[in-house]
Amino acid sequence: MKIYKLNDMTRGWFIGRFTPAVLTTDDVEVGIKSYKAGDYESSHFHKIATEVTVIVSGFARMGGIEYEAGDIIVVLPYESVDFYALTDVTLAVIKHPGAVNDKFDGCSDNA
């Protein structure tokens, strides 16, 4: 058995092509992300990966829609979304497949 600390991981990502990682793989990326109320991430999209975000606690706005704990948001390739933490919020984020350098700023041409 091995024990890891989430705080030691890269921005909450603990499975994927990260250093350090609990499991290094290109198949999937998994992270637990915590944000403070008011935190914002500008619009981005992926060309390869589907991103699944679970609101574990708190409230957030993604792509102009408000979400609460228990909501699961699936963002398909080429869909652009931004993120705004309406309260302190914790997310579980899964990207499939894991894809290095698959994050692009702004709106996609195909969105």
N, C-alpha and C. Protein backbone atom coordinates (compact mmCIF):
# COMPACT_ATOMS: atom_id res chain seq x y z
N MET A 1 0.84 -1.17 0.00
CA MET A 1 0.00 0.00 0.00
C MET A 1 0.89 1.24 0.00
N LYS A 2 0.49 2.23 -0.80
CA LYS A 2 1.19 3.51 -0.84
C LYS A 2 0.20 4.59 -0.44
N ILE A 3 0.69 5.62 0.21
CA ILE A 3 -0.15 6.73 0.64
C ILE A 3 0.41 8.01 0.01
N TYR A 4 -0.49 8.81 -0.53
CA TYR A 4 -0.13 10.08 -1.15
C TYR A 4 -0.96 11.18 -0.51
N LYS A 5 -0.56 12.42 -0.73
CA LYS A 5 -1.30 13.58 -0.26
C LYS A 5 -1.75 14.40 -1.46
N LEU A 6 -3.03 14.73 -1.50
CA LEU A 6 -3.57 15.53 -2.60
C LEU A 6 -2.83 16.86 -2.72
N ASN A 7 -2.45 17.44 -1.60
CA ASN A 7 -1.74 18.72 -1.62
C ASN A 7 -0.37 18.62 -2.29
N ASP A 8 0.17 17.41 -2.43
CA ASP A 8 1.46 17.24 -3.08
C ASP A 8 1.34 17.11 -4.60
N MET A 9 0.12 16.97 -5.09
CA MET A 9 -0.11 16.78 -6.52
C MET A 9 -0.12 18.11 -7.26
N THR A 10 0.00 18.07 -8.56
CA THR A 10 0.03 19.26 -9.40
C THR A 10 -1.38 19.80 -9.59
N ARG A 11 -1.72 20.90 -8.92
CA ARG A 11 -3.03 21.57 -9.02
C ARG A 11 -4.20 20.60 -8.84
N GLY A 12 -4.02 19.55 -8.02
CA GLY A 12 -5.09 18.61 -7.73
C GLY A 12 -5.15 17.40 -8.64
N TRP A 13 -4.36 17.40 -9.73
CA TRP A 13 -4.36 16.26 -10.66
C TRP A 13 -3.51 15.15 -10.07
N PHE A 14 -4.11 13.95 -9.91
CA PHE A 14 -3.36 12.86 -9.30
C PHE A 14 -3.27 11.60 -10.15
N ILE A 15 -4.05 11.52 -11.23
CA ILE A 15 -3.92 10.42 -12.19
C ILE A 15 -3.76 11.06 -13.57
N GLY A 16 -2.78 10.58 -14.33
CA GLY A 16 -2.54 11.10 -15.67
C GLY A 16 -1.07 11.27 -15.91
N ARG A 17 -0.72 12.08 -16.87
CA ARG A 17 0.67 12.33 -17.24
C ARG A 17 1.16 13.56 -16.47
N PHE A 18 1.24 13.41 -15.14
CA PHE A 18 1.65 14.50 -14.25
C PHE A 18 2.81 14.03 -13.39
N THR A 19 3.54 14.98 -12.85
CA THR A 19 4.60 14.67 -11.90
C THR A 19 4.42 15.57 -10.69
N PRO A 20 4.16 15.02 -9.53
CA PRO A 20 3.98 13.60 -9.26
C PRO A 20 2.59 13.12 -9.67
N ALA A 21 2.40 11.81 -9.66
CA ALA A 21 1.09 11.21 -9.93
C ALA A 21 0.99 9.91 -9.15
N VAL A 22 -0.22 9.59 -8.76
CA VAL A 22 -0.48 8.32 -8.10
C VAL A 22 -0.42 7.20 -9.13
N LEU A 23 -0.96 7.48 -10.32
CA LEU A 23 -0.94 6.55 -11.45
C LEU A 23 -0.61 7.34 -12.70
N THR A 24 0.49 7.00 -13.35
CA THR A 24 0.88 7.70 -14.57
C THR A 24 0.31 6.93 -15.76
N THR A 25 -0.56 7.62 -16.53
CA THR A 25 -1.22 6.99 -17.66
C THR A 25 -1.65 8.05 -18.66
N ASP A 26 -1.80 7.65 -19.91
CA ASP A 26 -2.36 8.52 -20.93
C ASP A 26 -3.85 8.23 -21.15
N ASP A 27 -4.37 7.21 -20.47
CA ASP A 27 -5.76 6.78 -20.68
C ASP A 27 -6.78 7.75 -20.11
N VAL A 28 -6.46 8.38 -19.00
CA VAL A 28 -7.41 9.23 -18.30
C VAL A 28 -6.65 10.20 -17.40
N GLU A 29 -7.28 11.33 -17.08
CA GLU A 29 -6.74 12.26 -16.10
C GLU A 29 -7.81 12.47 -15.04
N VAL A 30 -7.42 12.47 -13.77
CA VAL A 30 -8.37 12.65 -12.67
C VAL A 30 -7.77 13.64 -11.68
N GLY A 31 -8.61 14.57 -11.26
CA GLY A 31 -8.16 15.55 -10.29
C GLY A 31 -9.28 15.98 -9.36
N ILE A 32 -8.91 16.41 -8.19
CA ILE A 32 -9.82 17.05 -7.24
C ILE A 32 -9.35 18.50 -7.16
N LYS A 33 -10.23 19.41 -7.56
CA LYS A 33 -9.87 20.81 -7.67
C LYS A 33 -10.69 21.62 -6.65
N SER A 34 -10.03 22.47 -5.92
CA SER A 34 -10.70 23.35 -4.95
C SER A 34 -10.47 24.80 -5.35
N TYR A 35 -11.55 25.57 -5.29
CA TYR A 35 -11.50 26.98 -5.66
C TYR A 35 -12.15 27.81 -4.56
N LYS A 36 -11.68 29.01 -4.38
CA LYS A 36 -12.29 29.97 -3.46
C LYS A 36 -13.34 30.78 -4.21
N ALA A 37 -14.34 31.25 -3.49
CA ALA A 37 -15.36 32.10 -4.10
C ALA A 37 -14.69 33.24 -4.86
N GLY A 38 -15.13 33.44 -6.10
CA GLY A 38 -14.57 34.49 -6.93
C GLY A 38 -13.46 34.04 -7.87
N ASP A 39 -12.91 32.84 -7.66
CA ASP A 39 -11.88 32.34 -8.57
C ASP A 39 -12.48 32.18 -9.96
N TYR A 40 -11.67 32.45 -10.97
CA TYR A 40 -12.15 32.41 -12.35
C TYR A 40 -11.10 31.77 -13.25
N GLU A 41 -11.56 30.94 -14.17
CA GLU A 41 -10.70 30.41 -15.23
C GLU A 41 -11.34 30.79 -16.56
N SER A 42 -10.56 31.39 -17.43
CA SER A 42 -11.10 31.86 -18.71
C SER A 42 -11.49 30.67 -19.60
N SER A 43 -12.26 30.99 -20.60
CA SER A 43 -12.78 29.99 -21.52
C SER A 43 -11.66 29.19 -22.17
N HIS A 44 -11.86 27.86 -22.22
CA HIS A 44 -10.92 26.98 -22.90
C HIS A 44 -11.69 25.80 -23.48
N PHE A 45 -11.03 25.05 -24.34
CA PHE A 45 -11.63 23.85 -24.90
C PHE A 45 -10.55 22.81 -25.14
N HIS A 46 -10.99 21.58 -25.37
CA HIS A 46 -10.10 20.48 -25.69
C HIS A 46 -10.46 19.96 -27.08
N LYS A 47 -9.45 19.57 -27.84
CA LYS A 47 -9.71 19.01 -29.16
C LYS A 47 -9.88 17.49 -29.11
N ILE A 48 -9.28 16.86 -28.10
CA ILE A 48 -9.30 15.40 -28.00
C ILE A 48 -10.17 14.91 -26.84
N ALA A 49 -9.96 15.44 -25.66
CA ALA A 49 -10.57 14.90 -24.45
C ALA A 49 -12.01 15.37 -24.22
N THR A 50 -12.80 14.47 -23.66
CA THR A 50 -14.08 14.81 -23.06
C THR A 50 -13.79 15.07 -21.59
N GLU A 51 -14.32 16.16 -21.06
CA GLU A 51 -14.07 16.52 -19.66
C GLU A 51 -15.37 16.39 -18.87
N VAL A 52 -15.31 15.61 -17.80
CA VAL A 52 -16.47 15.42 -16.93
C VAL A 52 -16.14 16.11 -15.61
N THR A 53 -17.01 17.03 -15.20
CA THR A 53 -16.82 17.76 -13.95
C THR A 53 -17.98 17.46 -13.01
N VAL A 54 -17.66 17.02 -11.80
CA VAL A 54 -18.66 16.77 -10.77
C VAL A 54 -18.51 17.86 -9.72
N ILE A 55 -19.60 18.58 -9.46
CA ILE A 55 -19.58 19.57 -8.38
C ILE A 55 -19.76 18.79 -7.08
N VAL A 56 -18.69 18.67 -6.30
CA VAL A 56 -18.72 17.91 -5.05
C VAL A 56 -19.35 18.75 -3.94
N SER A 57 -18.96 20.02 -3.88
CA SER A 57 -19.55 20.93 -2.89
C SER A 57 -19.49 22.35 -3.45
N GLY A 58 -20.45 23.16 -3.04
CA GLY A 58 -20.46 24.56 -3.44
C GLY A 58 -21.26 24.82 -4.70
N PHE A 59 -21.08 26.03 -5.23
CA PHE A 59 -21.80 26.49 -6.42
C PHE A 59 -20.81 27.10 -7.39
N ALA A 60 -21.02 26.85 -8.69
CA ALA A 60 -20.14 27.38 -9.72
C ALA A 60 -20.95 27.71 -10.96
N ARG A 61 -20.37 28.55 -11.81
CA ARG A 61 -20.96 28.85 -13.11
C ARG A 61 -19.97 28.43 -14.18
N MET A 62 -20.46 27.65 -15.13
CA MET A 62 -19.64 27.21 -16.26
C MET A 62 -20.42 27.50 -17.53
N GLY A 63 -19.79 28.21 -18.44
CA GLY A 63 -20.46 28.50 -19.70
C GLY A 63 -21.77 29.24 -19.52
N GLY A 64 -21.86 30.08 -18.48
CA GLY A 64 -23.05 30.89 -18.24
C GLY A 64 -24.17 30.17 -17.51
N ILE A 65 -23.97 28.92 -17.12
CA ILE A 65 -25.00 28.15 -16.41
C ILE A 65 -24.52 27.89 -15.00
N GLU A 66 -25.42 28.05 -14.02
CA GLU A 66 -25.06 27.82 -12.62
C GLU A 66 -25.30 26.37 -12.24
N TYR A 67 -24.34 25.82 -11.49
CA TYR A 67 -24.39 24.43 -11.05
C TYR A 67 -24.20 24.36 -9.55
N GLU A 68 -24.71 23.26 -8.96
CA GLU A 68 -24.61 23.06 -7.51
C GLU A 68 -24.08 21.66 -7.22
N ALA A 69 -23.77 21.42 -5.95
CA ALA A 69 -23.27 20.11 -5.53
C ALA A 69 -24.18 19.01 -6.05
N GLY A 70 -23.55 17.99 -6.63
CA GLY A 70 -24.28 16.86 -7.18
C GLY A 70 -24.47 16.93 -8.68
N ASP A 71 -24.27 18.11 -9.28
CA ASP A 71 -24.39 18.23 -10.73
C ASP A 71 -23.15 17.65 -11.41
N ILE A 72 -23.38 17.01 -12.56
CA ILE A 72 -22.31 16.44 -13.37
C ILE A 72 -22.39 17.09 -14.75
N ILE A 73 -21.31 17.71 -15.16
CA ILE A 73 -21.26 18.44 -16.42
C ILE A 73 -20.29 17.72 -17.36
N VAL A 74 -20.76 17.39 -18.55
CA VAL A 74 -19.93 16.72 -19.54
C VAL A 74 -19.65 17.73 -20.66
N VAL A 75 -18.38 18.03 -20.86
CA VAL A 75 -17.96 18.98 -21.89
C VAL A 75 -17.25 18.18 -22.98
N LEU A 76 -17.83 18.19 -24.16
CA LEU A 76 -17.30 17.43 -25.29
C LEU A 76 -16.17 18.19 -25.98
N PRO A 77 -15.35 17.48 -26.76
CA PRO A 77 -14.30 18.16 -27.50
C PRO A 77 -14.87 19.33 -28.32
N TYR A 78 -14.12 20.41 -28.37
CA TYR A 78 -14.43 21.65 -29.10
C TYR A 78 -15.52 22.49 -28.44
N GLU A 79 -16.07 22.08 -27.30
CA GLU A 79 -17.00 22.95 -26.57
C GLU A 79 -16.19 23.83 -25.64
N SER A 80 -16.37 25.13 -25.74
CA SER A 80 -15.64 26.08 -24.89
C SER A 80 -16.46 26.43 -23.66
N VAL A 81 -15.82 26.42 -22.50
CA VAL A 81 -16.47 26.86 -21.27
C VAL A 81 -15.46 27.61 -20.42
N ASP A 82 -16.00 28.59 -19.67
CA ASP A 82 -15.20 29.23 -18.65
C ASP A 82 -15.70 28.71 -17.32
N PHE A 83 -15.07 29.13 -16.23
CA PHE A 83 -15.44 28.64 -14.89
C PHE A 83 -15.36 29.79 -13.91
N TYR A 84 -16.41 29.93 -13.09
CA TYR A 84 -16.43 30.94 -12.04
C TYR A 84 -16.97 30.31 -10.76
N ALA A 85 -16.21 30.40 -9.69
CA ALA A 85 -16.63 29.86 -8.39
C ALA A 85 -17.55 30.87 -7.71
N LEU A 86 -18.83 30.53 -7.62
CA LEU A 86 -19.79 31.41 -6.95
C LEU A 86 -19.63 31.37 -5.44
N THR A 87 -19.19 30.23 -4.92
CA THR A 87 -18.85 30.04 -3.50
C THR A 87 -17.54 29.26 -3.49
N ASP A 88 -17.01 28.98 -2.31
CA ASP A 88 -15.93 28.00 -2.25
C ASP A 88 -16.51 26.73 -2.86
N VAL A 89 -15.75 26.08 -3.73
CA VAL A 89 -16.28 24.93 -4.46
C VAL A 89 -15.18 23.88 -4.62
N THR A 90 -15.61 22.62 -4.55
CA THR A 90 -14.71 21.49 -4.80
C THR A 90 -15.27 20.69 -5.96
N LEU A 91 -14.39 20.34 -6.89
CA LEU A 91 -14.78 19.60 -8.08
C LEU A 91 -13.98 18.31 -8.18
N ALA A 92 -14.59 17.29 -8.74
CA ALA A 92 -13.86 16.13 -9.24
C ALA A 92 -13.87 16.28 -10.76
N VAL A 93 -12.72 16.21 -11.38
CA VAL A 93 -12.62 16.41 -12.83
C VAL A 93 -11.95 15.18 -13.44
N ILE A 94 -12.60 14.64 -14.48
CA ILE A 94 -12.09 13.49 -15.20
C ILE A 94 -11.99 13.87 -16.67
N LYS A 95 -10.83 13.63 -17.27
CA LYS A 95 -10.66 13.88 -18.70
C LYS A 95 -10.31 12.56 -19.37
N HIS A 96 -11.04 12.27 -20.45
CA HIS A 96 -10.81 11.02 -21.18
C HIS A 96 -10.79 11.28 -22.67
N PRO A 97 -9.79 10.83 -23.35
CA PRO A 97 -8.57 10.24 -22.81
C PRO A 97 -7.66 11.32 -22.24
N GLY A 98 -6.68 10.89 -21.48
CA GLY A 98 -5.66 11.84 -21.03
C GLY A 98 -4.94 12.33 -22.28
N ALA A 99 -4.74 13.61 -22.39
CA ALA A 99 -4.14 14.16 -23.61
C ALA A 99 -3.25 15.34 -23.25
N VAL A 100 -1.96 15.14 -23.33
CA VAL A 100 -1.00 16.20 -23.03
C VAL A 100 -1.16 17.32 -24.06
N ASN A 101 -1.11 18.55 -23.59
CA ASN A 101 -1.20 19.73 -24.44
C ASN A 101 -2.51 19.82 -25.22
N ASP A 102 -3.61 19.41 -24.58
CA ASP A 102 -4.93 19.45 -25.22
C ASP A 102 -5.83 20.51 -24.57
N LYS A 103 -5.28 21.62 -24.16
CA LYS A 103 -6.05 22.72 -23.59
C LYS A 103 -5.78 23.96 -24.42
N PHE A 104 -6.84 24.55 -24.97
CA PHE A 104 -6.71 25.70 -25.86
C PHE A 104 -7.53 26.85 -25.34
N ASP A 105 -6.97 28.05 -25.34
CA ASP A 105 -7.67 29.24 -24.86
C ASP A 105 -8.74 29.67 -25.83
N GLY A 106 -9.79 30.29 -25.25
CA GLY A 106 -10.82 30.92 -26.05
C GLY A 106 -11.84 29.99 -26.64
N CYS A 107 -12.54 30.50 -27.62
CA CYS A 107 -13.60 29.74 -28.28
C CYS A 107 -13.02 28.93 -29.42
N SER A 108 -13.58 27.75 -29.61
CA SER A 108 -13.12 26.92 -30.72
C SER A 108 -13.80 27.37 -32.01
N ASP A 109 -13.20 27.03 -33.12
CA ASP A 109 -13.80 27.33 -34.42
C ASP A 109 -15.02 26.47 -34.67
N ASN A 110 -15.13 25.32 -34.00
CA ASN A 110 -16.22 24.38 -34.23
C ASN A 110 -17.31 24.47 -33.18
N ALA A 111 -17.19 25.37 -32.22
CA ALA A 111 -18.18 25.45 -31.12
C ALA A 111 -19.47 26.03 -31.60
